[in-house]
Amino acid sequence: MRISTFLFSIAALVALAGVFLMYTRPAFMVMLAEQLWACF
């Protein structure tokens, strides 16, 4: 039980780090804003 919690925590941290790295790229932010704007 403890190992699965540890693995889940590691996976969550890796996912959050990946999202953080994507937000540091201006081109990604522009693309995200354009996709959001296209919904309206």
Protein backbone atom coordinates (compact mmCIF):
# COMPACT_ATOMS: atom_id res chain seq x y z
CA MET A 1 0.00 0.00 0.00
CA ARG A 2 2.79 2.39 0.86
CA ILE A 3 4.69 1.76 -2.38
CA SER A 4 1.64 2.54 -4.51
CA THR A 5 1.17 5.84 -2.69
CA PHE A 6 4.84 6.65 -3.28
CA LEU A 7 4.58 5.81 -6.99
CA PHE A 8 1.41 7.88 -7.33
CA SER A 9 3.16 10.83 -5.67
CA ILE A 10 6.13 10.53 -8.02
CA ALA A 11 3.83 10.31 -11.06
CA ALA A 12 1.91 13.39 -9.91
CA LEU A 13 5.13 15.36 -9.41
CA VAL A 14 6.39 14.40 -12.86
CA ALA A 15 3.09 15.46 -14.42
CA LEU A 16 3.14 18.79 -12.58
CA ALA A 17 6.75 19.40 -13.63
CA GLY A 18 5.80 18.71 -17.25
CA VAL A 19 2.91 21.16 -17.09
CA PHE A 20 5.15 23.78 -15.48
CA LEU A 21 7.72 23.37 -18.26
CA MET A 22 5.05 23.78 -20.92
CA TYR A 23 3.87 27.04 -19.34
CA THR A 24 7.39 28.47 -19.64
CA ARG A 25 7.16 28.25 -23.43
CA PRO A 26 5.50 31.37 -24.93
CA ALA A 27 4.39 29.54 -28.09
CA PHE A 28 2.47 27.03 -26.00
CA MET A 29 0.76 29.81 -24.08
CA VAL A 30 -0.31 31.49 -27.35
CA MET A 31 -1.65 28.20 -28.70
CA LEU A 32 -3.54 27.55 -25.47
CA ALA A 33 -5.07 31.04 -25.54
CA GLU A 34 -6.12 30.61 -29.18
CA GLN A 35 -7.77 27.27 -28.44
CA LEU A 36 -9.58 28.74 -25.46
CA TRP A 37 -10.73 31.72 -27.52
CA ALA A 38 -11.99 29.38 -30.28
CA CYS A 39 -14.48 27.91 -27.79
CA PHE A 40 -16.32 31.24 -27.73
